[in-house]
Amino acid sequence: MQPREVSQRLDELFVLDVREPQEWAAGRIEGAVHVPLMQVPLRLGDLPRDKTIVCVCKVGARSFEAMQFLTMQGFDAQNLDGGVVMWARSGLPLTTPAGDPGRIA
C-alpha cells in the first residue's frame, strides 16, 4: 500500500512495525504496534483477524516477509511500499514512543 493511502486510512488499519527496537525508538508511525520480525510467529494471537494489517519496516523488505507469513496464516496483510523511508519522503510524520518528532534509524 502507498504511504498516503495508509495515512488516510489509519483508523481502519492495523499498522504492524516489524523493525528492531532501536529503529522503533528513533521514529514510528503514530498508532503502530511494534513486533520485531522474528517475534511475529510467536505473537499471532496479538494480531487482529478483523482488520487489514499493514506491515512496516525501513524500506519494505522485512515487512514483505512479515506480510507473506501473515497471509499464509490467514490474515489480511499488506506491505507499506517503501517502508518508513517512503513514508517520510511523502511528507508524513514519524514520532518517538514519547510523542516527540521521530527520525529514521
C-alpha atoms as a PDB file:
ATOM      1  CA  MET A   1       0.000   0.000   0.000  1.00  0.00           C
ATOM      2  CA  GLN A   2       1.170   3.516  -0.707  1.00  0.00           C
ATOM      3  CA  PRO A   3       2.050   5.731   2.299  1.00  0.00           C
ATOM      4  CA  ARG A   4      -0.621   8.354   1.551  1.00  0.00           C
ATOM      5  CA  GLU A   5      -3.334   5.689   1.346  1.00  0.00           C
ATOM      6  CA  VAL A   6      -2.227   4.197   4.657  1.00  0.00           C
ATOM      7  CA  SER A   7      -2.122   7.635   6.311  1.00  0.00           C
ATOM      8  CA  GLN A   8      -5.682   8.350   5.155  1.00  0.00           C
ATOM      9  CA  ARG A   9      -6.949   5.001   6.465  1.00  0.00           C
ATOM     10  CA  LEU A  10      -5.071   4.707   9.779  1.00  0.00           C
ATOM     11  CA  ASP A  11      -8.316   4.466  11.747  1.00  0.00           C
ATOM     12  CA  GLU A  12      -9.363   1.301   9.889  1.00  0.00           C
ATOM     13  CA  LEU A  13      -5.969  -0.394   9.511  1.00  0.00           C
ATOM     14  CA  PHE A  14      -3.672  -2.192  11.956  1.00  0.00           C
ATOM     15  CA  VAL A  15      -0.109  -0.950  11.386  1.00  0.00           C
ATOM     16  CA  LEU A  16       2.477  -3.557  12.395  1.00  0.00           C
ATOM     17  CA  ASP A  17       6.055  -2.281  12.643  1.00  0.00           C
ATOM     18  CA  VAL A  18       8.484  -5.213  12.369  1.00  0.00           C
ATOM     19  CA  ARG A  19      11.731  -3.248  12.756  1.00  0.00           C
ATOM     20  CA  GLU A  20      14.252  -3.702  15.549  1.00  0.00           C
ATOM     21  CA  PRO A  21      13.784  -1.901  18.909  1.00  0.00           C
ATOM     22  CA  GLN A  22      16.356   0.832  18.210  1.00  0.00           C
ATOM     23  CA  GLU A  23      14.672   1.639  14.877  1.00  0.00           C
ATOM     24  CA  TRP A  24      11.255   1.781  16.577  1.00  0.00           C
ATOM     25  CA  ALA A  25      12.581   4.059  19.318  1.00  0.00           C
ATOM     26  CA  ALA A  26      14.005   6.528  16.767  1.00  0.00           C
ATOM     27  CA  GLY A  27      10.727   7.072  14.920  1.00  0.00           C
ATOM     28  CA  ARG A  28       7.497   5.267  14.119  1.00  0.00           C
ATOM     29  CA  ILE A  29       4.124   5.797  12.510  1.00  0.00           C
ATOM     30  CA  GLU A  30       1.726   7.102  15.135  1.00  0.00           C
ATOM     31  CA  GLY A  31      -0.502   4.289  16.377  1.00  0.00           C
ATOM     32  CA  ALA A  32       1.673   1.479  15.007  1.00  0.00           C
ATOM     33  CA  VAL A  33       2.236  -1.655  17.070  1.00  0.00           C
ATOM     34  CA  HIS A  34       5.798  -2.894  17.439  1.00  0.00           C
ATOM     35  CA  VAL A  35       6.585  -6.593  16.991  1.00  0.00           C
ATOM     36  CA  PRO A  36      10.097  -7.300  15.681  1.00  0.00           C
ATOM     37  CA  LEU A  37      10.063  -9.602  12.652  1.00  0.00           C
ATOM     38  CA  MET A  38      11.463 -12.651  14.453  1.00  0.00           C
ATOM     39  CA  GLN A  39       8.727 -12.379  17.107  1.00  0.00           C
ATOM     40  CA  VAL A  40       5.801 -12.233  14.665  1.00  0.00           C
ATOM     41  CA  PRO A  41       5.226 -16.032  14.645  1.00  0.00           C
ATOM     42  CA  LEU A  42       5.075 -16.003  18.450  1.00  0.00           C
ATOM     43  CA  ARG A  43       2.623 -13.091  18.604  1.00  0.00           C
ATOM     44  CA  LEU A  44      -0.086 -14.169  16.159  1.00  0.00           C
ATOM     45  CA  GLY A  45      -2.638 -14.134  18.978  1.00  0.00           C
ATOM     46  CA  ASP A  46      -1.987 -10.406  19.474  1.00  0.00           C
ATOM     47  CA  LEU A  47      -2.904  -9.568  15.880  1.00  0.00           C
ATOM     48  CA  PRO A  48      -6.426  -8.789  14.658  1.00  0.00           C
ATOM     49  CA  ARG A  49      -8.166 -11.013  12.164  1.00  0.00           C
ATOM     50  CA  ASP A  50     -10.894  -8.440  11.505  1.00  0.00           C
ATOM     51  CA  LYS A  51      -8.644  -5.652  10.159  1.00  0.00           C
ATOM     52  CA  THR A  52      -6.155  -5.303   7.362  1.00  0.00           C
ATOM     53  CA  ILE A  53      -2.644  -5.475   8.807  1.00  0.00           C
ATOM     54  CA  VAL A  54      -0.145  -3.162   7.123  1.00  0.00           C
ATOM     55  CA  CYS A  55       3.395  -4.411   7.732  1.00  0.00           C
ATOM     56  CA  VAL A  56       6.099  -1.758   8.037  1.00  0.00           C
ATOM     57  CA  CYS A  57       9.904  -1.747   8.145  1.00  0.00           C
ATOM     58  CA  LYS A  58      12.599   0.667   6.966  1.00  0.00           C
ATOM     59  CA  VAL A  59      12.382   0.087   3.191  1.00  0.00           C
ATOM     60  CA  GLY A  60       9.891  -2.744   2.736  1.00  0.00           C
ATOM     61  CA  ALA A  61      11.910  -5.991   2.635  1.00  0.00           C
ATOM     62  CA  ARG A  62      11.370  -7.284   6.195  1.00  0.00           C
ATOM     63  CA  SER A  63       7.767  -6.149   6.167  1.00  0.00           C
ATOM     64  CA  PHE A  64       7.243  -8.019   2.883  1.00  0.00           C
ATOM     65  CA  GLU A  65       8.409 -11.194   4.646  1.00  0.00           C
ATOM     66  CA  ALA A  66       6.009 -10.499   7.510  1.00  0.00           C
ATOM     67  CA  MET A  67       3.170  -9.857   5.069  1.00  0.00           C
ATOM     68  CA  GLN A  68       3.795 -13.133   3.236  1.00  0.00           C
ATOM     69  CA  PHE A  69       3.924 -15.074   6.502  1.00  0.00           C
ATOM     70  CA  LEU A  70       0.744 -13.466   7.850  1.00  0.00           C
ATOM     71  CA  THR A  71      -1.083 -14.082   4.576  1.00  0.00           C
ATOM     72  CA  MET A  72      -0.140 -17.775   4.784  1.00  0.00           C
ATOM     73  CA  GLN A  73      -1.601 -17.791   8.303  1.00  0.00           C
ATOM     74  CA  GLY A  74      -4.931 -16.459   7.001  1.00  0.00           C
ATOM     75  CA  PHE A  75      -4.544 -12.775   7.887  1.00  0.00           C
ATOM     76  CA  ASP A  76      -5.472  -9.938   5.534  1.00  0.00           C
ATOM     77  CA  ALA A  77      -1.985  -8.398   5.296  1.00  0.00           C
ATOM     78  CA  GLN A  78      -0.426  -5.741   3.083  1.00  0.00           C
ATOM     79  CA  ASN A  79       3.040  -4.194   2.839  1.00  0.00           C
ATOM     80  CA  LEU A  80       3.786  -0.478   3.181  1.00  0.00           C
ATOM     81  CA  ASP A  81       5.502   0.336  -0.108  1.00  0.00           C
ATOM     82  CA  GLY A  82       8.970   1.762   0.568  1.00  0.00           C
ATOM     83  CA  GLY A  83       8.670   1.460   4.346  1.00  0.00           C
ATOM     84  CA  VAL A  84       9.175   4.372   6.705  1.00  0.00           C
ATOM     85  CA  VAL A  85      11.720   5.841   4.275  1.00  0.00           C
ATOM     86  CA  MET A  86       8.976   6.364   1.676  1.00  0.00           C
ATOM     87  CA  TRP A  87       6.551   7.419   4.440  1.00  0.00           C
ATOM     88  CA  ALA A  88       8.901  10.235   5.472  1.00  0.00           C
ATOM     89  CA  ARG A  89       9.710  11.165   1.850  1.00  0.00           C
ATOM     90  CA  SER A  90       5.965  11.526   1.317  1.00  0.00           C
ATOM     91  CA  GLY A  91       5.958  14.247   3.980  1.00  0.00           C
ATOM     92  CA  LEU A  92       4.221  12.091   6.584  1.00  0.00           C
ATOM     93  CA  PRO A  93       5.268  12.338  10.237  1.00  0.00           C
ATOM     94  CA  LEU A  94       7.216   9.913  12.380  1.00  0.00           C
ATOM     95  CA  THR A  95       7.104  10.150  16.163  1.00  0.00           C
ATOM     96  CA  THR A  96       9.033   8.613  19.010  1.00  0.00           C
ATOM     97  CA  PRO A  97       7.191   6.438  21.546  1.00  0.00           C
ATOM     98  CA  ALA A  98       7.295   9.529  23.833  1.00  0.00           C
ATOM     99  CA  GLY A  99       5.477  11.587  21.179  1.00  0.00           C
ATOM    100  CA  ASP A 100       8.434  13.698  20.029  1.00  0.00           C
ATOM    101  CA  PRO A 101       9.275  14.150  16.331  1.00  0.00           C
ATOM    102  CA  GLY A 102      10.917  10.975  15.058  1.00  0.00           C
ATOM    103  CA  ARG A 103      13.636  10.095  12.597  1.00  0.00           C
ATOM    104  CA  ILE A 104      14.637   7.060  10.539  1.00  0.00           C
ATOM    105  CA  ALA A 105      17.333   4.908  12.119  1.00  0.00           C
END
